[in-house]
């Protein structure tokens, strides 16, 4: 049975660009590797695959894995897909200052889908953004409930 989340994997076209984006937002590179051969072919189900991945550590200890398939580029992009598309929708991060983070995402080549919105509970501000590769992200700023 499932005991914990191991990582969240995101396939990107340009690993270097995506690494620069996420490192600038506060994640740190934990491991990086190029893989080929029988093991990775079995795992991903693609004969002759050559891929490169980097695992990035979020300050809370969780991991985000960025993967670039060098030998078999994507065949159907989900980049800029609507948020109600079936399958994986988005990755969500808690941030310290959502307004500042949205500005930084735009500066780094991403885009803001909606400006930060205050939840009806008044406990969080939330915004959807696209990273520099077009992958949908949710940002959440937890507000002090005593304000």
C-alpha atoms as a PDB file:
ATOM      1  CA  UNK A   1       0.000   0.000   0.000  1.00  0.00           C
ATOM      2  CA  UNK A   2       1.035   3.605  -0.525  1.00  0.00           C
ATOM      3  CA  UNK A   3       3.030   5.045   2.361  1.00  0.00           C
ATOM      4  CA  UNK A   4       4.241   8.441   1.031  1.00  0.00           C
ATOM      5  CA  UNK A   5       4.596  10.583  -2.065  1.00  0.00           C
ATOM      6  CA  UNK A   6       8.025   9.998  -3.627  1.00  0.00           C
ATOM      7  CA  UNK A   7       8.153  12.822  -6.195  1.00  0.00           C
ATOM      8  CA  UNK A   8       6.129  14.626  -8.833  1.00  0.00           C
ATOM      9  CA  UNK A   9       7.450  14.179 -12.383  1.00  0.00           C
ATOM     10  CA  UNK A  10       7.128  16.807 -15.109  1.00  0.00           C
ATOM     11  CA  UNK A  11       8.204  16.180 -18.716  1.00  0.00           C
ATOM     12  CA  UNK A  12       9.800  19.272 -20.265  1.00  0.00           C
ATOM     13  CA  UNK A  13      11.256  20.120 -23.688  1.00  0.00           C
ATOM     14  CA  UNK A  14      14.264  22.068 -22.358  1.00  0.00           C
ATOM     15  CA  UNK A  15      15.664  20.750 -19.088  1.00  0.00           C
ATOM     16  CA  UNK A  16      18.161  23.605 -18.688  1.00  0.00           C
ATOM     17  CA  UNK A  17      15.470  26.268 -19.048  1.00  0.00           C
ATOM     18  CA  UNK A  18      13.139  24.510 -16.606  1.00  0.00           C
ATOM     19  CA  UNK A  19      15.964  23.972 -14.104  1.00  0.00           C
ATOM     20  CA  UNK A  20      16.808  27.674 -14.194  1.00  0.00           C
ATOM     21  CA  UNK A  21      13.128  28.541 -13.647  1.00  0.00           C
ATOM     22  CA  UNK A  22      12.603  26.307 -10.607  1.00  0.00           C
ATOM     23  CA  UNK A  23      15.997  27.052  -9.032  1.00  0.00           C
ATOM     24  CA  UNK A  24      15.217  30.783  -9.277  1.00  0.00           C
ATOM     25  CA  UNK A  25      11.973  30.077  -7.369  1.00  0.00           C
ATOM     26  CA  UNK A  26      13.846  28.410  -4.491  1.00  0.00           C
ATOM     27  CA  UNK A  27      14.149  24.710  -5.375  1.00  0.00           C
ATOM     28  CA  UNK A  28      17.609  23.125  -5.327  1.00  0.00           C
ATOM     29  CA  UNK A  29      19.060  20.429  -7.574  1.00  0.00           C
ATOM     30  CA  UNK A  30      19.354  17.201  -5.580  1.00  0.00           C
ATOM     31  CA  UNK A  31      20.363  14.715  -8.313  1.00  0.00           C
ATOM     32  CA  UNK A  32      20.732  14.708 -12.057  1.00  0.00           C
ATOM     33  CA  UNK A  33      21.307  11.850 -14.472  1.00  0.00           C
ATOM     34  CA  UNK A  34      21.132  10.690 -18.101  1.00  0.00           C
ATOM     35  CA  UNK A  35      19.600   7.221 -18.510  1.00  0.00           C
ATOM     36  CA  UNK A  36      19.632   4.702 -21.347  1.00  0.00           C
ATOM     37  CA  UNK A  37      19.456   0.937 -21.543  1.00  0.00           C
ATOM     38  CA  UNK A  38      17.207  -1.961 -20.564  1.00  0.00           C
ATOM     39  CA  UNK A  39      16.227  -0.711 -17.096  1.00  0.00           C
ATOM     40  CA  UNK A  40      14.872   2.690 -18.136  1.00  0.00           C
ATOM     41  CA  UNK A  41      13.359   1.208 -21.321  1.00  0.00           C
ATOM     42  CA  UNK A  42      11.378  -1.188 -19.111  1.00  0.00           C
ATOM     43  CA  UNK A  43      10.369   1.489 -16.594  1.00  0.00           C
ATOM     44  CA  UNK A  44       9.031   4.006 -19.147  1.00  0.00           C
ATOM     45  CA  UNK A  45       7.949   1.442 -21.748  1.00  0.00           C
ATOM     46  CA  UNK A  46       9.850   3.037 -24.664  1.00  0.00           C
ATOM     47  CA  UNK A  47      12.464   0.900 -26.481  1.00  0.00           C
ATOM     48  CA  UNK A  48      15.710   2.758 -27.231  1.00  0.00           C
ATOM     49  CA  UNK A  49      14.866   5.658 -24.945  1.00  0.00           C
ATOM     50  CA  UNK A  50      17.484   8.177 -23.840  1.00  0.00           C
ATOM     51  CA  UNK A  51      16.305  10.630 -21.231  1.00  0.00           C
ATOM     52  CA  UNK A  52      17.786  13.080 -18.778  1.00  0.00           C
ATOM     53  CA  UNK A  53      16.254  13.914 -15.443  1.00  0.00           C
ATOM     54  CA  UNK A  54      16.903  16.207 -12.526  1.00  0.00           C
ATOM     55  CA  UNK A  55      15.327  15.889  -9.105  1.00  0.00           C
ATOM     56  CA  UNK A  56      14.766  19.196  -7.359  1.00  0.00           C
ATOM     57  CA  UNK A  57      14.230  19.512  -3.644  1.00  0.00           C
ATOM     58  CA  UNK A  58      11.521  21.831  -2.361  1.00  0.00           C
ATOM     59  CA  UNK A  59      12.404  23.539   0.960  1.00  0.00           C
ATOM     60  CA  UNK A  60       9.933  21.208   2.771  1.00  0.00           C
ATOM     61  CA  UNK A  61      11.910  18.152   1.575  1.00  0.00           C
ATOM     62  CA  UNK A  62       9.530  17.017  -1.171  1.00  0.00           C
ATOM     63  CA  UNK A  63      10.890  16.363  -4.660  1.00  0.00           C
ATOM     64  CA  UNK A  64       9.986  17.512  -8.168  1.00  0.00           C
ATOM     65  CA  UNK A  65      11.479  15.522 -11.053  1.00  0.00           C
ATOM     66  CA  UNK A  66      12.026  17.234 -14.402  1.00  0.00           C
ATOM     67  CA  UNK A  67      12.497  14.854 -17.355  1.00  0.00           C
ATOM     68  CA  UNK A  68      13.615  15.571 -20.902  1.00  0.00           C
ATOM     69  CA  UNK A  69      13.266  12.762 -23.446  1.00  0.00           C
ATOM     70  CA  UNK A  70      16.177  13.280 -25.859  1.00  0.00           C
ATOM     71  CA  UNK A  71      15.427  10.290 -28.099  1.00  0.00           C
ATOM     72  CA  UNK A  72      11.628  10.400 -28.105  1.00  0.00           C
ATOM     73  CA  UNK A  73      10.239  13.944 -27.804  1.00  0.00           C
ATOM     74  CA  UNK A  74       6.636  14.381 -26.725  1.00  0.00           C
ATOM     75  CA  UNK A  75       3.934  13.246 -29.108  1.00  0.00           C
ATOM     76  CA  UNK A  76       0.951  15.020 -27.552  1.00  0.00           C
ATOM     77  CA  UNK A  77       1.529  18.117 -25.516  1.00  0.00           C
ATOM     78  CA  UNK A  78      -0.551  18.929 -22.453  1.00  0.00           C
ATOM     79  CA  UNK A  79       1.183  22.298 -22.188  1.00  0.00           C
ATOM     80  CA  UNK A  80      -1.283  25.153 -21.770  1.00  0.00           C
ATOM     81  CA  UNK A  81      -4.091  22.595 -21.439  1.00  0.00           C
ATOM     82  CA  UNK A  82      -7.230  23.747 -19.626  1.00  0.00           C
ATOM     83  CA  UNK A  83      -7.363  22.957 -15.917  1.00  0.00           C
ATOM     84  CA  UNK A  84     -10.271  20.525 -16.415  1.00  0.00           C
ATOM     85  CA  UNK A  85      -8.331  18.205 -18.794  1.00  0.00           C
ATOM     86  CA  UNK A  86      -8.467  14.587 -17.591  1.00  0.00           C
ATOM     87  CA  UNK A  87      -5.274  13.257 -16.024  1.00  0.00           C
ATOM     88  CA  UNK A  88      -2.652  15.176 -14.110  1.00  0.00           C
ATOM     89  CA  UNK A  89      -3.809  18.754 -13.847  1.00  0.00           C
ATOM     90  CA  UNK A  90      -1.174  20.791 -12.044  1.00  0.00           C
ATOM     91  CA  UNK A  91       1.477  20.924  -9.352  1.00  0.00           C
ATOM     92  CA  UNK A  92       0.755  23.125  -6.323  1.00  0.00           C
ATOM     93  CA  UNK A  93       3.273  24.976  -4.170  1.00  0.00           C
ATOM     94  CA  UNK A  94       2.820  26.878  -0.928  1.00  0.00           C
ATOM     95  CA  UNK A  95       4.623  30.221  -1.228  1.00  0.00           C
ATOM     96  CA  UNK A  96       5.539  32.938   1.255  1.00  0.00           C
ATOM     97  CA  UNK A  97       4.417  35.908  -0.887  1.00  0.00           C
ATOM     98  CA  UNK A  98       2.104  35.070  -3.791  1.00  0.00           C
ATOM     99  CA  UNK A  99       2.206  38.532  -5.376  1.00  0.00           C
ATOM    100  CA  UNK A 100       6.010  38.565  -5.446  1.00  0.00           C
ATOM    101  CA  UNK A 101       6.125  34.961  -6.710  1.00  0.00           C
ATOM    102  CA  UNK A 102       3.710  35.751  -9.564  1.00  0.00           C
ATOM    103  CA  UNK A 103       5.916  38.674 -10.623  1.00  0.00           C
ATOM    104  CA  UNK A 104       8.993  36.436 -10.492  1.00  0.00           C
ATOM    105  CA  UNK A 105       7.273  33.732 -12.568  1.00  0.00           C
ATOM    106  CA  UNK A 106       6.497  36.308 -15.259  1.00  0.00           C
ATOM    107  CA  UNK A 107      10.070  37.634 -15.150  1.00  0.00           C
ATOM    108  CA  UNK A 108      11.396  34.077 -15.580  1.00  0.00           C
ATOM    109  CA  UNK A 109       9.324  33.431 -18.712  1.00  0.00           C
ATOM    110  CA  UNK A 110       6.205  31.916 -17.158  1.00  0.00           C
ATOM    111  CA  UNK A 111       2.730  33.446 -17.152  1.00  0.00           C
ATOM    112  CA  UNK A 112       0.003  34.165 -14.623  1.00  0.00           C
ATOM    113  CA  UNK A 113      -3.397  32.662 -15.531  1.00  0.00           C
ATOM    114  CA  UNK A 114      -5.300  34.578 -12.874  1.00  0.00           C
ATOM    115  CA  UNK A 115      -4.208  37.221 -10.387  1.00  0.00           C
ATOM    116  CA  UNK A 116      -4.018  36.010  -6.785  1.00  0.00           C
ATOM    117  CA  UNK A 117      -7.537  35.570  -5.424  1.00  0.00           C
ATOM    118  CA  UNK A 118      -8.563  35.566  -1.772  1.00  0.00           C
ATOM    119  CA  UNK A 119     -10.464  32.391  -0.850  1.00  0.00           C
ATOM    120  CA  UNK A 120     -13.925  32.898   0.694  1.00  0.00           C
ATOM    121  CA  UNK A 121     -12.529  31.564   3.989  1.00  0.00           C
ATOM    122  CA  UNK A 122      -9.968  34.382   4.032  1.00  0.00           C
ATOM    123  CA  UNK A 123      -7.278  31.841   4.934  1.00  0.00           C
ATOM    124  CA  UNK A 124      -5.415  31.629   1.617  1.00  0.00           C
ATOM    125  CA  UNK A 125      -4.689  33.508  -1.601  1.00  0.00           C
ATOM    126  CA  UNK A 126      -4.502  31.319  -4.723  1.00  0.00           C
ATOM    127  CA  UNK A 127      -3.276  31.812  -8.290  1.00  0.00           C
ATOM    128  CA  UNK A 128      -2.796  29.544 -11.288  1.00  0.00           C
ATOM    129  CA  UNK A 129       0.323  30.117 -13.390  1.00  0.00           C
ATOM    130  CA  UNK A 130       2.214  28.415 -16.198  1.00  0.00           C
ATOM    131  CA  UNK A 131       5.909  27.716 -15.668  1.00  0.00           C
ATOM    132  CA  UNK A 132       8.459  28.556 -18.372  1.00  0.00           C
ATOM    133  CA  UNK A 133       7.615  25.245 -20.113  1.00  0.00           C
ATOM    134  CA  UNK A 134       3.853  25.942 -20.051  1.00  0.00           C
ATOM    135  CA  UNK A 135       3.094  23.459 -17.250  1.00  0.00           C
ATOM    136  CA  UNK A 136       0.201  24.498 -15.000  1.00  0.00           C
ATOM    137  CA  UNK A 137       1.117  25.405 -11.412  1.00  0.00           C
ATOM    138  CA  UNK A 138      -1.032  26.448  -8.471  1.00  0.00           C
ATOM    139  CA  UNK A 139       0.412  28.870  -5.939  1.00  0.00           C
ATOM    140  CA  UNK A 140      -1.083  29.156  -2.460  1.00  0.00           C
ATOM    141  CA  UNK A 141      -0.159  31.722   0.177  1.00  0.00           C
ATOM    142  CA  UNK A 142      -1.378  30.790   3.648  1.00  0.00           C
ATOM    143  CA  UNK A 143      -2.568  33.913   5.455  1.00  0.00           C
ATOM    144  CA  UNK A 144      -2.397  34.520   9.164  1.00  0.00           C
ATOM    145  CA  UNK A 145      -5.900  33.684  10.428  1.00  0.00           C
ATOM    146  CA  UNK A 146      -5.516  36.222  13.242  1.00  0.00           C
ATOM    147  CA  UNK A 147      -5.427  39.249  10.903  1.00  0.00           C
END
